[in-house]
């Protein structure tokens, strides 16, 4: 559920929604959600002073119901 919600939010923000993916990995007892977007959309996902990325993390952690979830925006070149 968290992965699908985050993917929906990220795809709503970016200009290239087909290139936006969210992958889930288990890191110890916690989950890690990796957000990958087109390089041109990286600034949109991070936002001014990281505000958009912080807002995405806040929404995901609120939906996690007390479970520890980390959200990383991965900088990759296509």
PDB file of N, CA and C in Angstrom:
ATOM      1  N   UNK A   1       0.812  -1.183   0.000  1.00  0.00           N
ATOM      2  CA  UNK A   1       0.000   0.000   0.000  1.00  0.00           C
ATOM      3  C   UNK A   1       0.861   1.255   0.000  1.00  0.00           C
ATOM      4  N   UNK A   2       1.907   1.268   0.818  1.00  0.00           N
ATOM      5  CA  UNK A   2       2.781   2.437   0.888  1.00  0.00           C
ATOM      6  C   UNK A   2       3.480   2.685  -0.433  1.00  0.00           C
ATOM      7  N   UNK A   3       3.942   1.615  -1.054  1.00  0.00           N
ATOM      8  CA  UNK A   3       4.637   1.750  -2.329  1.00  0.00           C
ATOM      9  C   UNK A   3       3.709   2.324  -3.392  1.00  0.00           C
ATOM     10  N   UNK A   4       2.505   1.831  -3.475  1.00  0.00           N
ATOM     11  CA  UNK A   4       1.545   2.307  -4.478  1.00  0.00           C
ATOM     12  C   UNK A   4       1.160   3.764  -4.229  1.00  0.00           C
ATOM     13  N   UNK A   5       0.977   4.121  -2.977  1.00  0.00           N
ATOM     14  CA  UNK A   5       0.619   5.499  -2.641  1.00  0.00           C
ATOM     15  C   UNK A   5       1.749   6.457  -2.993  1.00  0.00           C
ATOM     16  N   UNK A   6       2.980   6.092  -2.621  1.00  0.00           N
ATOM     17  CA  UNK A   6       4.134   6.940  -2.931  1.00  0.00           C
ATOM     18  C   UNK A   6       4.326   7.055  -4.434  1.00  0.00           C
ATOM     19  N   UNK A   7       4.153   5.963  -5.155  1.00  0.00           N
ATOM     20  CA  UNK A   7       4.295   5.996  -6.609  1.00  0.00           C
ATOM     21  C   UNK A   7       3.240   6.913  -7.229  1.00  0.00           C
ATOM     22  N   UNK A   8       2.025   6.866  -6.740  1.00  0.00           N
ATOM     23  CA  UNK A   8       0.971   7.752  -7.236  1.00  0.00           C
ATOM     24  C   UNK A   8       1.334   9.218  -6.994  1.00  0.00           C
ATOM     25  N   UNK A   9       1.797   9.531  -5.800  1.00  0.00           N
ATOM     26  CA  UNK A   9       2.173  10.901  -5.468  1.00  0.00           C
ATOM     27  C   UNK A   9       3.325  11.397  -6.335  1.00  0.00           C
ATOM     28  N   UNK A  10       4.342  10.579  -6.501  1.00  0.00           N
ATOM     29  CA  UNK A  10       5.514  10.975  -7.290  1.00  0.00           C
ATOM     30  C   UNK A  10       5.126  11.156  -8.751  1.00  0.00           C
ATOM     31  N   UNK A  11       4.339  10.237  -9.294  1.00  0.00           N
ATOM     32  CA  UNK A  11       3.922  10.362 -10.695  1.00  0.00           C
ATOM     33  C   UNK A  11       3.050  11.586 -10.932  1.00  0.00           C
ATOM     34  N   UNK A  12       2.363  12.043  -9.895  1.00  0.00           N
ATOM     35  CA  UNK A  12       1.553  13.254 -10.019  1.00  0.00           C
ATOM     36  C   UNK A  12       2.404  14.512 -10.083  1.00  0.00           C
ATOM     37  N   UNK A  13       3.608  14.454  -9.552  1.00  0.00           N
ATOM     38  CA  UNK A  13       4.494  15.615  -9.473  1.00  0.00           C
ATOM     39  C   UNK A  13       5.355  15.777 -10.721  1.00  0.00           C
ATOM     40  N   UNK A  14       5.847  14.683 -11.286  1.00  0.00           N
ATOM     41  CA  UNK A  14       6.874  14.733 -12.323  1.00  0.00           C
ATOM     42  C   UNK A  14       6.300  14.961 -13.722  1.00  0.00           C
ATOM     43  N   UNK A  15       7.190  15.362 -14.630  1.00  0.00           N
ATOM     44  CA  UNK A  15       6.810  15.570 -16.030  1.00  0.00           C
ATOM     45  C   UNK A  15       6.862  14.280 -16.838  1.00  0.00           C
ATOM     46  N   UNK A  16       7.679  13.324 -16.402  1.00  0.00           N
ATOM     47  CA  UNK A  16       7.833  12.040 -17.085  1.00  0.00           C
ATOM     48  C   UNK A  16       7.347  10.917 -16.156  1.00  0.00           C
ATOM     49  N   UNK A  17       6.039  10.750 -16.019  1.00  0.00           N
ATOM     50  CA  UNK A  17       5.530   9.773 -15.040  1.00  0.00           C
ATOM     51  C   UNK A  17       5.862   8.321 -15.383  1.00  0.00           C
ATOM     52  N   UNK A  18       6.111   8.021 -16.652  1.00  0.00           N
ATOM     53  CA  UNK A  18       6.439   6.640 -17.020  1.00  0.00           C
ATOM     54  C   UNK A  18       7.816   6.232 -16.503  1.00  0.00           C
ATOM     55  N   UNK A  19       8.684   7.202 -16.245  1.00  0.00           N
ATOM     56  CA  UNK A  19      10.033   6.914 -15.755  1.00  0.00           C
ATOM     57  C   UNK A  19      10.111   6.890 -14.231  1.00  0.00           C
ATOM     58  N   UNK A  20       9.031   7.193 -13.552  1.00  0.00           N
ATOM     59  CA  UNK A  20       9.025   7.226 -12.089  1.00  0.00           C
ATOM     60  C   UNK A  20       8.693   5.845 -11.539  1.00  0.00           C
ATOM     61  N   UNK A  21       9.584   5.324 -10.692  1.00  0.00           N
ATOM     62  CA  UNK A  21       9.365   4.023 -10.070  1.00  0.00           C
ATOM     63  C   UNK A  21       9.665   4.110  -8.580  1.00  0.00           C
ATOM     64  N   UNK A  22       9.009   3.242  -7.835  1.00  0.00           N
ATOM     65  CA  UNK A  22       9.254   3.124  -6.403  1.00  0.00           C
ATOM     66  C   UNK A  22       9.493   1.649  -6.112  1.00  0.00           C
ATOM     67  N   UNK A  23      10.637   1.353  -5.513  1.00  0.00           N
ATOM     68  CA  UNK A  23      10.984  -0.022  -5.171  1.00  0.00           C
ATOM     69  C   UNK A  23      11.053  -0.157  -3.654  1.00  0.00           C
ATOM     70  N   UNK A  24      10.631  -1.303  -3.147  1.00  0.00           N
ATOM     71  CA  UNK A  24      10.668  -1.563  -1.712  1.00  0.00           C
ATOM     72  C   UNK A  24      11.765  -2.573  -1.411  1.00  0.00           C
ATOM     73  N   UNK A  25      12.568  -2.236  -0.397  1.00  0.00           N
ATOM     74  CA  UNK A  25      13.594  -3.159   0.086  1.00  0.00           C
ATOM     75  C   UNK A  25      13.485  -3.254   1.599  1.00  0.00           C
ATOM     76  N   UNK A  26      13.880  -4.383   2.122  1.00  0.00           N
ATOM     77  CA  UNK A  26      13.897  -4.593   3.566  1.00  0.00           C
ATOM     78  C   UNK A  26      15.309  -4.312   4.067  1.00  0.00           C
ATOM     79  N   UNK A  27      15.443  -3.395   5.013  1.00  0.00           N
ATOM     80  CA  UNK A  27      16.735  -3.072   5.610  1.00  0.00           C
ATOM     81  C   UNK A  27      16.605  -3.331   7.103  1.00  0.00           C
ATOM     82  N   UNK A  28      17.026  -4.512   7.519  1.00  0.00           N
ATOM     83  CA  UNK A  28      16.836  -4.904   8.913  1.00  0.00           C
ATOM     84  C   UNK A  28      15.353  -5.011   9.198  1.00  0.00           C
ATOM     85  N   UNK A  29      14.907  -4.437  10.312  1.00  0.00           N
ATOM     86  CA  UNK A  29      13.478  -4.510  10.634  1.00  0.00           C
ATOM     87  C   UNK A  29      12.652  -3.442   9.914  1.00  0.00           C
ATOM     88  N   UNK A  30      13.319  -2.513   9.232  1.00  0.00           N
ATOM     89  CA  UNK A  30      12.634  -1.393   8.586  1.00  0.00           C
ATOM     90  C   UNK A  30      12.487  -1.612   7.089  1.00  0.00           C
ATOM     91  N   UNK A  31      11.574  -0.867   6.489  1.00  0.00           N
ATOM     92  CA  UNK A  31      11.399  -0.877   5.042  1.00  0.00           C
ATOM     93  C   UNK A  31      12.064   0.352   4.454  1.00  0.00           C
ATOM     94  N   UNK A  32      12.572   0.198   3.245  1.00  0.00           N
ATOM     95  CA  UNK A  32      13.179   1.300   2.508  1.00  0.00           C
ATOM     96  C   UNK A  32      12.450   1.417   1.179  1.00  0.00           C
ATOM     97  N   UNK A  33      11.928   2.602   0.896  1.00  0.00           N
ATOM     98  CA  UNK A  33      11.273   2.876  -0.382  1.00  0.00           C
ATOM     99  C   UNK A  33      12.217   3.748  -1.200  1.00  0.00           C
ATOM    100  N   UNK A  34      12.668   3.233  -2.332  1.00  0.00           N
ATOM    101  CA  UNK A  34      13.579   3.971  -3.203  1.00  0.00           C
ATOM    102  C   UNK A  34      12.795   4.576  -4.356  1.00  0.00           C
ATOM    103  N   UNK A  35      12.881   5.883  -4.489  1.00  0.00           N
ATOM    104  CA  UNK A  35      12.195   6.606  -5.549  1.00  0.00           C
ATOM    105  C   UNK A  35      13.214   6.910  -6.640  1.00  0.00           C
ATOM    106  N   UNK A  36      12.908   6.491  -7.858  1.00  0.00           N
ATOM    107  CA  UNK A  36      13.759   6.780  -9.012  1.00  0.00           C
ATOM    108  C   UNK A  36      12.920   7.515 -10.046  1.00  0.00           C
ATOM    109  N   UNK A  37      13.464   8.646 -10.517  1.00  0.00           N
ATOM    110  CA  UNK A  37      12.759   9.452 -11.505  1.00  0.00           C
ATOM    111  C   UNK A  37      13.728   9.840 -12.614  1.00  0.00           C
ATOM    112  N   UNK A  38      13.182  10.364 -13.688  1.00  0.00           N
ATOM    113  CA  UNK A  38      13.991  10.884 -14.786  1.00  0.00           C
ATOM    114  C   UNK A  38      14.860  12.015 -14.240  1.00  0.00           C
ATOM    115  N   UNK A  39      16.112  12.142 -14.705  1.00  0.00           N
ATOM    116  CA  UNK A  39      17.001  13.196 -14.185  1.00  0.00           C
ATOM    117  C   UNK A  39      16.422  14.603 -14.283  1.00  0.00           C
ATOM    118  N   UNK A  40      15.601  14.864 -15.291  1.00  0.00           N
ATOM    119  CA  UNK A  40      14.992  16.189 -15.424  1.00  0.00           C
ATOM    120  C   UNK A  40      13.958  16.459 -14.323  1.00  0.00           C
ATOM    121  N   UNK A  41      13.431  15.414 -13.707  1.00  0.00           N
ATOM    122  CA  UNK A  41      12.392  15.554 -12.684  1.00  0.00           C
ATOM    123  C   UNK A  41      12.928  15.494 -11.255  1.00  0.00           C
ATOM    124  N   UNK A  42      14.221  15.312 -11.111  1.00  0.00           N
ATOM    125  CA  UNK A  42      14.795  15.161  -9.777  1.00  0.00           C
ATOM    126  C   UNK A  42      14.532  16.388  -8.906  1.00  0.00           C
ATOM    127  N   UNK A  43      14.670  17.568  -9.482  1.00  0.00           N
ATOM    128  CA  UNK A  43      14.414  18.794  -8.734  1.00  0.00           C
ATOM    129  C   UNK A  43      12.973  18.938  -8.299  1.00  0.00           C
ATOM    130  N   UNK A  44      12.053  18.441  -9.113  1.00  0.00           N
ATOM    131  CA  UNK A  44      10.629  18.507  -8.758  1.00  0.00           C
ATOM    132  C   UNK A  44      10.324  17.618  -7.553  1.00  0.00           C
ATOM    133  N   UNK A  45      10.947  16.455  -7.497  1.00  0.00           N
ATOM    134  CA  UNK A  45      10.679  15.521  -6.402  1.00  0.00           C
ATOM    135  C   UNK A  45      11.346  15.995  -5.114  1.00  0.00           C
ATOM    136  N   UNK A  46      12.520  16.569  -5.217  1.00  0.00           N
ATOM    137  CA  UNK A  46      13.205  17.059  -4.024  1.00  0.00           C
ATOM    138  C   UNK A  46      12.580  18.363  -3.550  1.00  0.00           C
ATOM    139  N   UNK A  47      12.304  19.275  -4.464  1.00  0.00           N
ATOM    140  CA  UNK A  47      11.671  20.536  -4.111  1.00  0.00           C
ATOM    141  C   UNK A  47      12.646  21.550  -3.557  1.00  0.00           C
ATOM    142  N   UNK A  48      12.163  22.742  -3.363  1.00  0.00           N
ATOM    143  CA  UNK A  48      12.989  23.833  -2.850  1.00  0.00           C
ATOM    144  C   UNK A  48      13.353  23.540  -1.390  1.00  0.00           C
ATOM    145  N   UNK A  49      14.642  23.515  -1.119  1.00  0.00           N
ATOM    146  CA  UNK A  49      15.167  23.190   0.220  1.00  0.00           C
ATOM    147  C   UNK A  49      14.689  21.826   0.727  1.00  0.00           C
ATOM    148  N   UNK A  50      14.346  20.914  -0.189  1.00  0.00           N
ATOM    149  CA  UNK A  50      13.934  19.567   0.192  1.00  0.00           C
ATOM    150  C   UNK A  50      12.532  19.462   0.750  1.00  0.00           C
ATOM    151  N   UNK A  51      11.724  20.487   0.527  1.00  0.00           N
ATOM    152  CA  UNK A  51      10.389  20.495   1.119  1.00  0.00           C
ATOM    153  C   UNK A  51       9.459  19.435   0.541  1.00  0.00           C
ATOM    154  N   UNK A  52       9.538  19.191  -0.759  1.00  0.00           N
ATOM    155  CA  UNK A  52       8.662  18.184  -1.364  1.00  0.00           C
ATOM    156  C   UNK A  52       9.045  16.792  -0.883  1.00  0.00           C
ATOM    157  N   UNK A  53      10.346  16.501  -0.843  1.00  0.00           N
ATOM    158  CA  UNK A  53      10.803  15.197  -0.352  1.00  0.00           C
ATOM    159  C   UNK A  53      10.406  15.006   1.110  1.00  0.00           C
ATOM    160  N   UNK A  54      10.520  16.044   1.900  1.00  0.00           N
ATOM    161  CA  UNK A  54      10.120  15.965   3.307  1.00  0.00           C
ATOM    162  C   UNK A  54       8.619  15.712   3.431  1.00  0.00           C
ATOM    163  N   UNK A  55       7.833  16.367   2.595  1.00  0.00           N
ATOM    164  CA  UNK A  55       6.382  16.168   2.625  1.00  0.00           C
ATOM    165  C   UNK A  55       6.024  14.735   2.227  1.00  0.00           C
ATOM    166  N   UNK A  56       6.700  14.188   1.219  1.00  0.00           N
ATOM    167  CA  UNK A  56       6.453  12.806   0.816  1.00  0.00           C
ATOM    168  C   UNK A  56       6.790  11.844   1.954  1.00  0.00           C
ATOM    169  N   UNK A  57       7.907  12.087   2.631  1.00  0.00           N
ATOM    170  CA  UNK A  57       8.295  11.245   3.766  1.00  0.00           C
ATOM    171  C   UNK A  57       7.264  11.336   4.894  1.00  0.00           C
ATOM    172  N   UNK A  58       6.756  12.529   5.134  1.00  0.00           N
ATOM    173  CA  UNK A  58       5.761  12.722   6.190  1.00  0.00           C
ATOM    174  C   UNK A  58       4.488  11.945   5.889  1.00  0.00           C
ATOM    175  N   UNK A  59       4.025  12.005   4.655  1.00  0.00           N
ATOM    176  CA  UNK A  59       2.803  11.288   4.270  1.00  0.00           C
ATOM    177  C   UNK A  59       3.005   9.783   4.402  1.00  0.00           C
ATOM    178  N   UNK A  60       4.133   9.275   3.921  1.00  0.00           N
ATOM    179  CA  UNK A  60       4.396   7.834   3.983  1.00  0.00           C
ATOM    180  C   UNK A  60       4.489   7.370   5.432  1.00  0.00           C
ATOM    181  N   UNK A  61       5.192   8.124   6.268  1.00  0.00           N
ATOM    182  CA  UNK A  61       5.315   7.722   7.676  1.00  0.00           C
ATOM    183  C   UNK A  61       3.988   7.812   8.408  1.00  0.00           C
ATOM    184  N   UNK A  62       3.122   8.745   8.033  1.00  0.00           N
ATOM    185  CA  UNK A  62       1.797   8.826   8.643  1.00  0.00           C
ATOM    186  C   UNK A  62       0.950   7.613   8.261  1.00  0.00           C
ATOM    187  N   UNK A  63       1.086   7.162   7.031  1.00  0.00           N
ATOM    188  CA  UNK A  63       0.323   6.000   6.568  1.00  0.00           C
ATOM    189  C   UNK A  63       0.892   4.678   7.088  1.00  0.00           C
ATOM    190  N   UNK A  64       2.153   4.692   7.525  1.00  0.00           N
ATOM    191  CA  UNK A  64       2.810   3.462   7.965  1.00  0.00           C
ATOM    192  C   UNK A  64       2.281   2.969   9.308  1.00  0.00           C
ATOM    193  N   UNK A  65       1.586   3.800  10.037  1.00  0.00           N
ATOM    194  CA  UNK A  65       0.982   3.364  11.288  1.00  0.00           C
ATOM    195  C   UNK A  65       1.990   3.008  12.364  1.00  0.00           C
ATOM    196  N   UNK A  66       3.023   3.807  12.532  1.00  0.00           N
ATOM    197  CA  UNK A  66       4.015   3.567  13.566  1.00  0.00           C
ATOM    198  C   UNK A  66       5.184   2.705  13.124  1.00  0.00           C
ATOM    199  N   UNK A  67       5.089   2.080  11.995  1.00  0.00           N
ATOM    200  CA  UNK A  67       6.182   1.271  11.466  1.00  0.00           C
ATOM    201  C   UNK A  67       7.238   2.200  10.870  1.00  0.00           C
ATOM    202  N   UNK A  68       8.498   1.903  11.081  1.00  0.00           N
ATOM    203  CA  UNK A  68       9.581   2.742  10.577  1.00  0.00           C
ATOM    204  C   UNK A  68       9.790   2.490   9.079  1.00  0.00           C
ATOM    205  N   UNK A  69       9.624   3.545   8.275  1.00  0.00           N
ATOM    206  CA  UNK A  69       9.804   3.460   6.824  1.00  0.00           C
ATOM    207  C   UNK A  69      10.704   4.602   6.408  1.00  0.00           C
ATOM    208  N   UNK A  70      11.724   4.272   5.605  1.00  0.00           N
ATOM    209  CA  UNK A  70      12.638   5.298   5.103  1.00  0.00           C
ATOM    210  C   UNK A  70      12.365   5.503   3.614  1.00  0.00           C
ATOM    211  N   UNK A  71      12.359   6.754   3.181  1.00  0.00           N
ATOM    212  CA  UNK A  71      12.134   7.085   1.775  1.00  0.00           C
ATOM    213  C   UNK A  71      13.382   7.774   1.255  1.00  0.00           C
ATOM    214  N   UNK A  72      13.986   7.196   0.217  1.00  0.00           N
ATOM    215  CA  UNK A  72      15.174   7.772  -0.398  1.00  0.00           C
ATOM    216  C   UNK A  72      14.881   8.121  -1.858  1.00  0.00           C
ATOM    217  N   UNK A  73      15.312   9.304  -2.264  1.00  0.00           N
ATOM    218  CA  UNK A  73      15.252   9.688  -3.670  1.00  0.00           C
ATOM    219  C   UNK A  73      16.619   9.379  -4.249  1.00  0.00           C
ATOM    220  N   UNK A  74      16.667   8.437  -5.183  1.00  0.00           N
ATOM    221  CA  UNK A  74      17.927   7.964  -5.732  1.00  0.00           C
ATOM    222  C   UNK A  74      18.269   8.773  -6.976  1.00  0.00           C
ATOM    223  N   UNK A  75      19.476   9.304  -7.011  1.00  0.00           N
ATOM    224  CA  UNK A  75      19.951  10.095  -8.140  1.00  0.00           C
ATOM    225  C   UNK A  75      20.661   9.169  -9.124  1.00  0.00           C
ATOM    226  N   UNK A  76      19.993   8.866 -10.232  1.00  0.00           N
ATOM    227  CA  UNK A  76      20.592   8.009 -11.263  1.00  0.00           C
ATOM    228  C   UNK A  76      20.468   8.687 -12.604  1.00  0.00           C
ATOM    229  N   UNK A  77      21.404   8.408 -13.482  1.00  0.00           N
ATOM    230  CA  UNK A  77      21.342   8.914 -14.848  1.00  0.00           C
ATOM    231  C   UNK A  77      20.810   7.822 -15.750  1.00  0.00           C
ATOM    232  N   UNK A  78      19.946   8.208 -16.662  1.00  0.00           N
ATOM    233  CA  UNK A  78      19.369   7.242 -17.607  1.00  0.00           C
ATOM    234  C   UNK A  78      20.306   7.048 -18.746  1.00  0.00           C
TER     235      UNK A  78
END
